[in-house]
């Protein structure tokens, strides 16, 4: 019976995680208008699934950290009631935040649930040193680093664009106006000759200049389309990183289930997370996409580069950073630069982050007590 409860609890946690977290990587796509909600959600689902599957090979360290080893006594973490309480307490906290539209950290919820279960089961025998070094410091430092890095990346990219005088309306055109040597007769200093022959020459220029010279467009690819492509790729990288970082944390809770192999656990959790995102992500999507700050295409790209870099780097080192804290911090950092940050919404999100740990701890402690009373 307890094995069934554990499986159900982990399933509920994975569903809640998908509902609250899956859309965060593509929030900038939806927020700047590069994609509608359905397209953004589909892209998030595909790339998160890919990250979840790769977690089996690239994030083994997190499996150990989120089994509770080092945080709670070994005699406790190898019991089904402990794992049931952790999964259920974290899941309840996350689904409540999802219904309210607040993006919170699965990492923080799991941390609180582990702490609450351990405290109630051992009367206070919790490894506070491990709690601080392995969890609290990365969780609090990651949003600060994210804000600063997002600001630096965006300002740097903006300066590069300004210095290079790159237009967002560049196109590849074919010219017929050539001299006998096949050299383009064009006084525009921004025109770049790529290929010439006795009759035709290919140039890269802005659309207005091409139209003025009656040039025919060969490829209608503008810099805006290039930026959109990079933006989609970066959003997918964020979702991939989130799946890579979060799946092992949830998978660790099912290690005690008899007959369950790691491959089956990963696939089970990945599918459940995808279903949660597809069915219940809308409210968090609105908060992340439209209520933290207004963003442009370039600003969204900068935020996604920041989030993907920090989360993948942390996963490689086995640091349990929160994708939520990093992605929200990156968006807020962009908002500070463009002076459109919604400070009231950010204050509400910060409050939800502060309440996550104690809420999960109380839920887990209550479930652990109830489970012991019943069984």
Protein backbone atom coordinates (compact mmCIF):
# COMPACT_ATOMS: atom_id res chain seq x y z
CA UNK A 1 0.00 0.00 0.00
CA UNK A 2 2.77 2.44 0.88
CA UNK A 3 4.51 1.71 -2.42
CA UNK A 4 1.31 2.70 -4.24
CA UNK A 5 1.10 5.87 -2.17
CA UNK A 6 4.70 6.71 -2.98
CA UNK A 7 4.11 6.24 -6.72
CA UNK A 8 0.97 8.37 -6.60
CA UNK A 9 2.73 11.08 -4.56
CA UNK A 10 5.68 11.29 -6.96
CA UNK A 11 3.28 11.34 -9.91
CA UNK A 12 1.41 14.23 -8.30
CA UNK A 13 4.69 16.06 -7.68
CA UNK A 14 5.83 15.58 -11.29
CA UNK A 15 2.46 16.83 -12.58
CA UNK A 16 2.63 19.89 -10.32
CA UNK A 17 6.19 20.56 -11.40
CA UNK A 18 5.23 20.48 -15.07
CA UNK A 19 2.27 22.79 -14.49
CA UNK A 20 4.35 25.37 -12.64
CA UNK A 21 7.68 25.08 -14.46
CA UNK A 22 7.34 23.88 -18.05
CA UNK A 23 6.39 27.25 -19.54
CA UNK A 24 9.05 29.31 -17.80
CA UNK A 25 11.67 28.78 -20.48
CA UNK A 26 9.40 30.01 -23.29
CA UNK A 27 7.77 32.87 -21.35
CA UNK A 28 9.84 35.44 -23.22
CA UNK A 29 8.62 34.05 -26.57
CA UNK A 30 5.01 34.51 -25.52
CA UNK A 31 5.73 37.82 -23.79
CA UNK A 32 7.35 39.56 -26.78
CA UNK A 33 4.92 38.11 -29.33
CA UNK A 34 7.40 35.83 -31.09
CA UNK A 35 5.01 32.90 -30.52
CA UNK A 36 1.42 32.43 -29.40
CA UNK A 37 0.60 30.45 -26.27
CA UNK A 38 -0.02 27.13 -28.05
CA UNK A 39 3.19 27.23 -30.09
CA UNK A 40 5.27 28.29 -27.10
CA UNK A 41 3.77 25.52 -24.95
CA UNK A 42 4.40 22.88 -27.62
CA UNK A 43 8.05 23.93 -27.95
CA UNK A 44 8.42 23.90 -24.15
CA UNK A 45 6.96 20.40 -23.91
CA UNK A 46 9.23 18.92 -26.58
CA UNK A 47 12.45 20.43 -25.27
CA UNK A 48 11.64 19.71 -21.62
CA UNK A 49 11.04 16.06 -22.50
CA UNK A 50 14.44 15.96 -24.19
CA UNK A 51 16.11 17.42 -21.11
CA UNK A 52 14.33 14.97 -18.83
CA UNK A 53 15.55 11.97 -20.81
CA UNK A 54 19.12 13.32 -20.91
CA UNK A 55 19.01 13.72 -17.13
CA UNK A 56 19.61 9.99 -16.92
CA UNK A 57 23.10 10.48 -18.35
CA UNK A 58 24.12 14.03 -17.39
CA UNK A 59 22.85 14.76 -13.89
CA UNK A 60 23.65 11.78 -11.68
CA UNK A 61 24.95 13.99 -8.85
CA UNK A 62 21.52 15.52 -8.27
CA UNK A 63 20.03 12.05 -7.79
CA UNK A 64 22.18 11.62 -4.69
CA UNK A 65 21.57 15.12 -3.33
CA UNK A 66 17.80 14.86 -3.59
CA UNK A 67 17.49 11.40 -2.14
CA UNK A 68 18.00 13.24 1.17
CA UNK A 69 21.41 11.68 1.78
CA UNK A 70 23.50 13.91 4.05
CA UNK A 71 20.53 16.05 5.01
CA UNK A 72 18.59 13.48 7.06
CA UNK A 73 19.72 10.34 8.92
CA UNK A 74 20.26 7.33 6.64
CA UNK A 75 17.81 5.28 8.68
CA UNK A 76 15.10 7.80 7.80
CA UNK A 77 15.68 8.44 4.12
CA UNK A 78 15.45 4.72 3.36
CA UNK A 79 11.84 4.59 4.56
CA UNK A 80 8.71 4.88 2.45
CA UNK A 81 6.84 7.26 4.84
CA UNK A 82 9.65 9.82 4.52
CA UNK A 83 9.59 9.77 0.71
CA UNK A 84 5.78 9.89 0.62
CA UNK A 85 5.74 12.94 2.90
CA UNK A 86 8.42 14.73 0.87
CA UNK A 87 6.72 14.14 -2.49
CA UNK A 88 3.22 14.98 -1.22
CA UNK A 89 4.28 18.06 0.75
CA UNK A 90 6.23 19.51 -2.16
CA UNK A 91 3.47 18.65 -4.65
CA UNK A 92 0.75 20.32 -2.57
CA UNK A 93 2.81 23.49 -2.22
CA UNK A 94 3.60 23.69 -5.93
CA UNK A 95 0.03 23.05 -7.13
CA UNK A 96 -1.29 25.71 -4.75
CA UNK A 97 1.16 28.26 -6.12
CA UNK A 98 0.24 27.21 -9.67
CA UNK A 99 -3.45 27.83 -9.05
CA UNK A 100 -2.57 31.30 -7.74
CA UNK A 101 -0.34 32.03 -10.73
CA UNK A 102 2.94 32.25 -8.81
CA UNK A 103 6.11 30.71 -10.27
CA UNK A 104 7.86 29.01 -7.37
CA UNK A 105 10.82 26.70 -7.04
CA UNK A 106 10.43 22.92 -7.05
CA UNK A 107 13.89 22.80 -5.50
CA UNK A 108 12.76 25.02 -2.64
CA UNK A 109 9.56 23.00 -2.15
CA UNK A 110 11.52 19.73 -1.99
CA UNK A 111 13.98 21.29 0.41
CA UNK A 112 11.20 22.44 2.72
CA UNK A 113 9.43 19.08 2.55
CA UNK A 114 12.62 17.20 3.41
CA UNK A 115 13.34 19.52 6.31
CA UNK A 116 9.78 19.27 7.66
CA UNK A 117 9.67 15.48 7.40
CA UNK A 118 13.06 15.13 9.04
CA UNK A 119 12.26 17.48 11.91
CA UNK A 120 8.98 15.77 12.77
CA UNK A 121 10.42 12.26 12.40
CA UNK A 122 13.63 12.79 14.37
CA UNK A 123 12.61 15.56 16.77
CA UNK A 124 15.09 17.99 15.25
CA UNK A 125 17.92 15.74 14.02
CA UNK A 126 18.58 17.70 10.80
CA UNK A 127 22.01 18.31 9.27
CA UNK A 128 21.90 22.10 9.19
CA UNK A 129 25.41 22.36 7.76
CA UNK A 130 24.50 20.24 4.72
CA UNK A 131 21.29 22.22 4.36
CA UNK A 132 23.23 25.48 4.13
CA UNK A 133 26.13 24.39 1.93
CA UNK A 134 24.27 22.18 -0.54
CA UNK A 135 20.95 23.95 -0.83
CA UNK A 136 20.42 27.37 0.75
CA UNK A 137 23.46 29.19 -0.64
CA UNK A 138 22.88 28.13 -4.28
CA UNK A 139 19.18 28.95 -4.00
CA UNK A 140 19.70 32.47 -2.66
CA UNK A 141 22.71 33.35 -4.80
CA UNK A 142 21.29 32.15 -8.12
CA UNK A 143 18.65 34.89 -8.62
CA UNK A 144 21.15 37.61 -7.70
CA UNK A 145 23.71 36.27 -10.16
CA UNK A 146 20.95 35.91 -12.76
CA UNK A 147 19.84 39.54 -12.45
CA UNK A 148 23.39 40.85 -12.83
CA UNK A 149 24.33 38.49 -15.67
CA UNK A 150 21.14 39.23 -17.64
CA UNK A 151 21.78 42.96 -17.38
CA UNK A 152 25.37 42.53 -18.51
CA UNK A 153 24.48 40.27 -21.46
CA UNK A 154 21.69 42.54 -22.68
CA UNK A 155 23.77 45.71 -22.40
CA UNK A 156 26.66 43.97 -24.14
CA UNK A 157 24.53 42.73 -27.05
CA UNK A 158 22.89 46.13 -27.40
CA UNK A 159 26.28 47.83 -27.57
CA UNK A 160 27.56 45.35 -30.17
CA UNK A 161 24.51 46.00 -32.32
CA UNK A 162 24.96 49.75 -31.97
CA UNK A 163 28.66 49.71 -32.82
CA UNK A 164 28.15 47.39 -35.78
CA UNK A 165 25.27 49.46 -37.15
CA UNK A 166 23.37 46.21 -37.81
CA UNK A 167 19.91 46.74 -39.24
CA UNK A 168 17.05 44.40 -38.42
CA UNK A 169 15.82 44.68 -42.03
CA UNK A 170 18.81 43.28 -43.91
CA UNK A 171 18.16 41.13 -46.96
CA UNK A 172 20.12 39.26 -49.60
CA UNK A 173 19.48 40.81 -53.04
CA UNK A 174 20.60 40.32 -56.64
CA UNK A 175 21.88 43.37 -58.55
CA UNK A 176 22.04 43.92 -62.32
CA UNK A 177 23.82 47.25 -62.08
CA UNK A 178 27.46 46.22 -62.72
CA UNK A 179 30.36 47.60 -64.70
CA UNK A 180 32.42 45.60 -67.17
CA UNK A 181 34.50 44.06 -64.39
CA UNK A 182 31.45 42.90 -62.53
CA UNK A 183 31.93 45.40 -59.69
CA UNK A 184 28.80 46.78 -58.10
CA UNK A 185 28.15 50.43 -58.95
CA UNK A 186 26.76 51.58 -55.63
CA UNK A 187 27.95 54.38 -53.43
CA UNK A 188 26.23 53.07 -50.33
CA UNK A 189 29.09 52.26 -47.93
CA UNK A 190 26.96 49.75 -45.99
CA UNK A 191 26.50 47.45 -48.99
CA UNK A 192 28.56 44.26 -48.92
CA UNK A 193 29.33 42.41 -52.15
CA UNK A 194 29.28 38.64 -51.66
CA UNK A 195 29.39 37.20 -55.15
CA UNK A 196 29.85 38.73 -58.58
CA UNK A 197 29.75 37.66 -62.21
CA UNK A 198 29.68 39.62 -65.48
CA UNK A 199 25.93 40.14 -65.23
CA UNK A 200 24.86 39.74 -61.62
CA UNK A 201 26.16 40.55 -58.17
CA UNK A 202 24.73 39.53 -54.81
CA UNK A 203 24.60 42.05 -51.99
CA UNK A 204 23.54 42.29 -48.37
CA UNK A 205 21.84 45.58 -47.58
CA UNK A 206 18.80 46.98 -45.81
CA UNK A 207 15.45 46.50 -47.52
CA UNK A 208 14.87 50.20 -48.17
CA UNK A 209 18.16 50.53 -50.07
CA UNK A 210 17.45 47.40 -52.12
CA UNK A 211 14.02 48.71 -53.10
CA UNK A 212 15.50 52.09 -54.06
CA UNK A 213 17.87 50.39 -56.52
CA UNK A 214 15.11 48.03 -57.79
CA UNK A 215 17.11 45.04 -56.60
CA UNK A 216 15.39 41.67 -56.52
CA UNK A 217 15.31 39.87 -53.19
CA UNK A 218 16.94 36.43 -53.34
CA UNK A 219 16.25 35.42 -49.72
CA UNK A 220 13.69 37.34 -47.70
CA UNK A 221 15.52 36.67 -44.44
CA UNK A 222 15.76 39.70 -42.19
CA UNK A 223 17.81 40.15 -39.07
CA UNK A 224 14.54 40.01 -37.11
CA UNK A 225 13.94 36.48 -38.37
CA UNK A 226 17.46 35.53 -37.39
CA UNK A 227 16.90 36.93 -33.90
CA UNK A 228 13.61 35.05 -33.65
CA UNK A 229 15.36 31.82 -34.59
CA UNK A 230 18.01 32.39 -31.93
CA UNK A 231 15.26 33.28 -29.46
CA UNK A 232 13.44 29.99 -30.11
CA UNK A 233 16.68 28.08 -29.78
CA UNK A 234 17.56 29.78 -26.48
CA UNK A 235 14.04 29.15 -25.12
CA UNK A 236 14.41 25.49 -26.00
CA UNK A 237 17.79 25.46 -24.28
CA UNK A 238 16.20 26.84 -21.09
CA UNK A 239 13.47 24.18 -21.14
CA UNK A 240 16.04 21.49 -21.84
CA UNK A 241 18.11 22.72 -18.90
CA UNK A 242 15.06 22.74 -16.64
CA UNK A 243 14.17 19.18 -17.53
CA UNK A 244 17.79 18.20 -16.98
CA UNK A 245 17.91 19.90 -13.58
CA UNK A 246 14.47 19.03 -12.14
CA UNK A 247 13.88 15.45 -13.28
CA UNK A 248 16.62 13.90 -11.09
CA UNK A 249 15.26 15.69 -8.03
CA UNK A 250 11.89 14.00 -8.48
CA UNK A 251 13.33 10.68 -9.67
CA UNK A 252 15.34 10.38 -6.45
CA UNK A 253 12.09 9.97 -4.52
CA UNK A 254 11.17 6.78 -6.40
CA UNK A 255 14.45 4.97 -5.84
CA UNK A 256 12.83 2.94 -3.04
CA UNK A 257 10.02 1.60 -5.21
CA UNK A 258 10.57 -2.16 -5.70
CA UNK A 259 11.23 -3.26 -9.27
CA UNK A 260 11.60 0.27 -10.62
CA UNK A 261 14.63 0.82 -12.83
CA UNK A 262 16.12 4.26 -13.36
CA UNK A 263 15.16 4.22 -17.04
CA UNK A 264 11.51 3.56 -16.21
CA UNK A 265 11.47 6.19 -13.47
CA UNK A 266 12.90 8.89 -15.75
CA UNK A 267 10.45 8.13 -18.58
CA UNK A 268 7.51 8.00 -16.17
CA UNK A 269 8.38 11.35 -14.62
CA UNK A 270 9.12 13.00 -17.98
CA UNK A 271 5.71 12.05 -19.38
CA UNK A 272 3.88 13.15 -16.24
CA UNK A 273 5.67 16.51 -16.20
CA UNK A 274 4.71 17.04 -19.84
CA UNK A 275 1.04 16.33 -19.09
CA UNK A 276 1.05 18.78 -16.18
CA UNK A 277 2.47 21.52 -18.38
CA UNK A 278 0.02 20.89 -21.20
CA UNK A 279 -3.04 20.93 -18.94
CA UNK A 280 -2.32 23.48 -16.24
CA UNK A 281 0.34 26.05 -17.21
CA UNK A 282 -1.73 29.05 -18.29
CA UNK A 283 -1.77 31.12 -15.08
CA UNK A 284 1.96 30.88 -14.47
CA UNK A 285 2.50 31.59 -18.18
CA UNK A 286 0.63 34.90 -17.89
CA UNK A 287 2.65 35.91 -14.83
CA UNK A 288 6.01 35.07 -16.37
CA UNK A 289 5.24 36.48 -19.81
CA UNK A 290 3.35 39.68 -19.08
CA UNK A 291 3.41 40.63 -15.41
CA UNK A 292 7.12 40.87 -14.52
CA UNK A 293 8.21 43.22 -17.30
CA UNK A 294 7.59 44.18 -20.90
CA UNK A 295 10.24 42.70 -23.17
CA UNK A 296 11.35 42.92 -26.77
CA UNK A 297 12.73 40.11 -28.89
CA UNK A 298 16.35 40.97 -28.11
CA UNK A 299 15.64 41.34 -24.40
CA UNK A 300 13.94 37.95 -24.29
CA UNK A 301 16.93 36.40 -26.05
CA UNK A 302 19.28 37.89 -23.45
CA UNK A 303 17.17 36.55 -20.57
CA UNK A 304 17.08 33.06 -22.06
CA UNK A 305 20.82 32.96 -22.69
CA UNK A 306 21.36 33.89 -19.03
CA UNK A 307 18.97 31.23 -17.72
CA UNK A 308 20.22 28.42 -19.94
CA UNK A 309 23.87 29.12 -19.14
CA UNK A 310 23.40 29.25 -15.37
CA UNK A 311 21.12 26.20 -15.08
CA UNK A 312 23.19 23.95 -17.36
CA UNK A 313 26.38 25.04 -15.59
CA UNK A 314 24.80 24.30 -12.20
CA UNK A 315 23.54 20.89 -13.35
CA UNK A 316 27.02 19.94 -14.49
CA UNK A 317 28.41 20.82 -11.04
CA UNK A 318 25.54 19.13 -9.20
CA UNK A 319 24.33 22.41 -7.68
CA UNK A 320 20.54 22.32 -7.11
CA UNK A 321 19.75 25.84 -8.31
CA UNK A 322 16.19 26.84 -9.02
CA UNK A 323 15.32 27.37 -12.68
CA UNK A 324 12.47 29.55 -11.45
CA UNK A 325 14.73 31.84 -9.46
CA UNK A 326 17.18 32.09 -12.35
CA UNK A 327 14.57 32.75 -15.07
CA UNK A 328 12.56 35.23 -13.01
CA UNK A 329 15.78 36.96 -11.98
CA UNK A 330 16.86 37.25 -15.62
CA UNK A 331 13.52 38.76 -16.66
CA UNK A 332 13.60 41.19 -13.76
CA UNK A 333 17.17 42.17 -14.62
CA UNK A 334 16.04 43.01 -18.16
CA UNK A 335 13.15 44.99 -16.68
CA UNK A 336 15.56 47.03 -14.59
CA UNK A 337 17.55 47.92 -17.69
CA UNK A 338 14.54 48.95 -19.77
CA UNK A 339 12.89 50.57 -16.73
CA UNK A 340 9.68 48.58 -17.19
CA UNK A 341 10.01 46.14 -14.30
CA UNK A 342 6.83 45.52 -12.30
CA UNK A 343 8.23 45.88 -8.79
CA UNK A 344 4.90 45.12 -7.09
CA UNK A 345 4.57 41.81 -8.91
CA UNK A 346 8.20 41.01 -8.17
CA UNK A 347 7.58 41.70 -4.48
CA UNK A 348 4.64 39.27 -4.54
CA UNK A 349 6.77 36.62 -6.23
CA UNK A 350 9.54 37.10 -3.66
CA UNK A 351 6.98 36.66 -0.88
CA UNK A 352 5.78 33.40 -2.47
CA UNK A 353 9.40 32.23 -2.56
CA UNK A 354 9.82 32.98 1.14
CA UNK A 355 6.63 31.08 1.98
CA UNK A 356 7.51 28.06 -0.16
CA UNK A 357 9.89 26.43 2.28
CA UNK A 358 7.79 26.72 5.47
CA UNK A 359 4.59 25.78 3.60
CA UNK A 360 6.19 22.64 2.16
CA UNK A 361 7.71 21.80 5.55
CA UNK A 362 4.34 22.03 7.32
CA UNK A 363 2.56 19.99 4.62
CA UNK A 364 5.22 17.28 4.68
CA UNK A 365 5.29 17.14 8.48
CA UNK A 366 1.51 16.78 8.59
CA UNK A 367 1.48 14.05 5.95
CA UNK A 368 4.28 12.15 7.70
CA UNK A 369 2.36 12.27 10.98
CA UNK A 370 -0.88 11.18 9.30
CA UNK A 371 0.84 8.35 7.44
CA UNK A 372 2.36 6.99 10.65
CA UNK A 373 -0.99 7.18 12.39
CA UNK A 374 -2.75 5.23 9.62
CA UNK A 375 -0.07 2.67 8.90
